[in-house]
Amino acid sequence: MFTLLLAPVLPEIKDKKSRCLIPNGKQTHLPFHALGHKNEKGDFEYIAATKNIFYTNSSNELFLPWNRRNQSNFAASGNPDNTLQSAGVEVNKIANFYQKNQIFTEKISR
């Protein structure tokens, strides 16, 4: 899958720090961040190990003017089971871009 879907565009995006994926159709079930290839040393490397990968349903969300973002609401959860060390920090940093936000980062009790 990496060779078919991502390898053709890598030369154009190689210097980018983050990669936004907007899958549609059956691609929405494919975990692009888990795809990988052999690096220069011959070791297998996941694309998420070297670049920030994030998903969105629509490119419209990426191009909201800053003044509209301040009028938008933001809700997110991060790290409810304590398996992702930085997820809660990331969610809180993103929330700072929105005036109205609700963040859930507490551990879930069962």
C-alpha atoms as a PDB file:
ATOM      1  CA  MET A   1       0.000   0.000   0.000  1.00  0.00           C
ATOM      2  CA  PHE A   2       2.833   2.416   0.789  1.00  0.00           C
ATOM      3  CA  THR A   3       4.323   1.969  -2.685  1.00  0.00           C
ATOM      4  CA  LEU A   4       0.958   2.515  -4.347  1.00  0.00           C
ATOM      5  CA  LEU A   5      -0.457   5.379  -2.268  1.00  0.00           C
ATOM      6  CA  LEU A   6       2.378   7.347  -0.699  1.00  0.00           C
ATOM      7  CA  ALA A   7       5.650   6.672  -2.523  1.00  0.00           C
ATOM      8  CA  PRO A   8       4.635   8.632  -5.647  1.00  0.00           C
ATOM      9  CA  VAL A   9       4.141  11.875  -3.680  1.00  0.00           C
ATOM     10  CA  LEU A  10       7.075  11.593  -1.255  1.00  0.00           C
ATOM     11  CA  PRO A  11       9.498  13.628  -3.401  1.00  0.00           C
ATOM     12  CA  GLU A  12       7.049  16.542  -3.367  1.00  0.00           C
ATOM     13  CA  ILE A  13       6.421  16.481   0.393  1.00  0.00           C
ATOM     14  CA  LYS A  14       9.757  15.223   1.742  1.00  0.00           C
ATOM     15  CA  ASP A  15      10.633  18.518   3.450  1.00  0.00           C
ATOM     16  CA  LYS A  16       7.255  18.964   5.133  1.00  0.00           C
ATOM     17  CA  LYS A  17       7.093  18.422   8.903  1.00  0.00           C
ATOM     18  CA  SER A  18       3.436  17.380   8.956  1.00  0.00           C
ATOM     19  CA  ARG A  19       1.233  15.462   6.579  1.00  0.00           C
ATOM     20  CA  CYS A  20      -2.515  15.816   6.551  1.00  0.00           C
ATOM     21  CA  LEU A  21      -4.433  12.894   5.120  1.00  0.00           C
ATOM     22  CA  ILE A  22      -7.969  13.289   3.800  1.00  0.00           C
ATOM     23  CA  PRO A  23      -9.024   9.761   2.886  1.00  0.00           C
ATOM     24  CA  ASN A  24     -12.364   8.961   1.327  1.00  0.00           C
ATOM     25  CA  GLY A  25     -14.338   5.853   0.485  1.00  0.00           C
ATOM     26  CA  LYS A  26     -12.602   2.632   1.473  1.00  0.00           C
ATOM     27  CA  GLN A  27      -9.405   4.545   2.239  1.00  0.00           C
ATOM     28  CA  THR A  28     -11.006   5.779   5.457  1.00  0.00           C
ATOM     29  CA  HIS A  29     -10.413   2.298   6.898  1.00  0.00           C
ATOM     30  CA  LEU A  30      -6.702   2.310   6.060  1.00  0.00           C
ATOM     31  CA  PRO A  31      -4.351   3.397   8.854  1.00  0.00           C
ATOM     32  CA  PHE A  32      -1.971   5.466   6.723  1.00  0.00           C
ATOM     33  CA  HIS A  33       0.162   6.303   9.763  1.00  0.00           C
ATOM     34  CA  ALA A  34       0.978   2.589  10.093  1.00  0.00           C
ATOM     35  CA  LEU A  35       2.297   2.303   6.536  1.00  0.00           C
ATOM     36  CA  GLY A  36       6.016   2.282   6.051  1.00  0.00           C
ATOM     37  CA  HIS A  37       9.016   1.493   3.917  1.00  0.00           C
ATOM     38  CA  LYS A  38      12.691   0.634   4.210  1.00  0.00           C
ATOM     39  CA  ASN A  39      14.845   3.647   4.957  1.00  0.00           C
ATOM     40  CA  GLU A  40      18.357   4.349   3.620  1.00  0.00           C
ATOM     41  CA  LYS A  41      19.830   1.927   6.178  1.00  0.00           C
ATOM     42  CA  GLY A  42      17.491  -0.855   5.054  1.00  0.00           C
ATOM     43  CA  ASP A  43      15.448  -0.784   8.278  1.00  0.00           C
ATOM     44  CA  PHE A  44      11.647  -0.722   8.162  1.00  0.00           C
ATOM     45  CA  GLU A  45      10.295   2.671   9.164  1.00  0.00           C
ATOM     46  CA  TYR A  46       6.690   3.745   9.774  1.00  0.00           C
ATOM     47  CA  ILE A  47       5.837   7.103   8.228  1.00  0.00           C
ATOM     48  CA  ALA A  48       4.450   8.232  11.574  1.00  0.00           C
ATOM     49  CA  ALA A  49       7.882   7.670  13.139  1.00  0.00           C
ATOM     50  CA  THR A  50       9.436  10.507  11.148  1.00  0.00           C
ATOM     51  CA  LYS A  51       6.576  12.923  10.371  1.00  0.00           C
ATOM     52  CA  ASN A  52       3.479  14.244  12.090  1.00  0.00           C
ATOM     53  CA  ILE A  53       0.451  12.548  10.561  1.00  0.00           C
ATOM     54  CA  PHE A  54      -3.061  13.830  11.061  1.00  0.00           C
ATOM     55  CA  TYR A  55      -6.406  13.196   9.436  1.00  0.00           C
ATOM     56  CA  THR A  56      -9.364  15.369   8.596  1.00  0.00           C
ATOM     57  CA  ASN A  57     -12.638  14.714   6.824  1.00  0.00           C
ATOM     58  CA  SER A  58     -12.501  17.849   4.714  1.00  0.00           C
ATOM     59  CA  SER A  59      -9.822  20.269   3.584  1.00  0.00           C
ATOM     60  CA  ASN A  60     -12.256  23.093   4.417  1.00  0.00           C
ATOM     61  CA  GLU A  61     -11.339  22.701   8.084  1.00  0.00           C
ATOM     62  CA  LEU A  62      -7.693  23.448   7.302  1.00  0.00           C
ATOM     63  CA  PHE A  63      -8.449  26.761   5.661  1.00  0.00           C
ATOM     64  CA  LEU A  64     -10.743  28.392   8.209  1.00  0.00           C
ATOM     65  CA  PRO A  65      -9.772  32.034   8.732  1.00  0.00           C
ATOM     66  CA  TRP A  66      -8.415  32.692  12.225  1.00  0.00           C
ATOM     67  CA  ASN A  67     -11.348  34.930  13.102  1.00  0.00           C
ATOM     68  CA  ARG A  68     -13.782  32.068  12.334  1.00  0.00           C
ATOM     69  CA  ARG A  69     -11.752  29.654  14.427  1.00  0.00           C
ATOM     70  CA  ASN A  70     -12.327  31.897  17.425  1.00  0.00           C
ATOM     71  CA  GLN A  71     -16.056  31.535  16.897  1.00  0.00           C
ATOM     72  CA  SER A  72     -15.910  27.770  16.558  1.00  0.00           C
ATOM     73  CA  ASN A  73     -16.267  25.151  19.249  1.00  0.00           C
ATOM     74  CA  PHE A  74     -13.655  22.490  19.853  1.00  0.00           C
ATOM     75  CA  ALA A  75     -14.079  19.224  21.714  1.00  0.00           C
ATOM     76  CA  ALA A  76     -11.456  16.522  22.057  1.00  0.00           C
ATOM     77  CA  SER A  77     -10.293  13.677  24.202  1.00  0.00           C
ATOM     78  CA  GLY A  78      -6.743  12.649  24.790  1.00  0.00           C
ATOM     79  CA  ASN A  79      -5.082   9.744  26.517  1.00  0.00           C
ATOM     80  CA  PRO A  80      -7.959   8.292  28.539  1.00  0.00           C
ATOM     81  CA  ASP A  81      -6.019   5.078  29.206  1.00  0.00           C
ATOM     82  CA  ASN A  82      -2.567   6.664  29.744  1.00  0.00           C
ATOM     83  CA  THR A  83      -0.983   4.824  26.791  1.00  0.00           C
ATOM     84  CA  LEU A  84      -0.026   7.969  24.852  1.00  0.00           C
ATOM     85  CA  GLN A  85       2.263  10.129  26.956  1.00  0.00           C
ATOM     86  CA  SER A  86       1.847  13.393  25.024  1.00  0.00           C
ATOM     87  CA  ALA A  87      -1.750  13.101  23.799  1.00  0.00           C
ATOM     88  CA  GLY A  88      -3.235  15.128  26.634  1.00  0.00           C
ATOM     89  CA  VAL A  89      -0.663  17.893  26.165  1.00  0.00           C
ATOM     90  CA  GLU A  90      -1.336  17.983  22.405  1.00  0.00           C
ATOM     91  CA  VAL A  91      -5.099  18.202  22.850  1.00  0.00           C
ATOM     92  CA  ASN A  92      -4.735  21.082  25.295  1.00  0.00           C
ATOM     93  CA  LYS A  93      -2.391  22.991  22.972  1.00  0.00           C
ATOM     94  CA  ILE A  94      -4.835  22.648  20.072  1.00  0.00           C
ATOM     95  CA  ALA A  95      -7.683  23.804  22.304  1.00  0.00           C
ATOM     96  CA  ASN A  96      -5.837  27.084  22.906  1.00  0.00           C
ATOM     97  CA  PHE A  97      -6.713  28.091  19.333  1.00  0.00           C
ATOM     98  CA  TYR A  98     -10.432  28.077  20.183  1.00  0.00           C
ATOM     99  CA  GLN A  99     -12.301  30.318  22.591  1.00  0.00           C
ATOM    100  CA  LYS A 100     -14.900  27.651  23.334  1.00  0.00           C
ATOM    101  CA  ASN A 101     -13.443  24.267  24.067  1.00  0.00           C
ATOM    102  CA  GLN A 102     -14.084  21.181  26.094  1.00  0.00           C
ATOM    103  CA  ILE A 103     -11.227  18.789  26.727  1.00  0.00           C
ATOM    104  CA  PHE A 104     -11.407  15.312  28.231  1.00  0.00           C
ATOM    105  CA  THR A 105      -8.021  14.007  29.337  1.00  0.00           C
ATOM    106  CA  GLU A 106      -8.811  12.283  32.597  1.00  0.00           C
ATOM    107  CA  LYS A 107      -8.362   8.578  33.034  1.00  0.00           C
ATOM    108  CA  ILE A 108     -11.494   6.549  32.468  1.00  0.00           C
ATOM    109  CA  SER A 109     -12.573   4.532  35.503  1.00  0.00           C
ATOM    110  CA  ARG A 110     -14.219   1.190  34.858  1.00  0.00           C
END
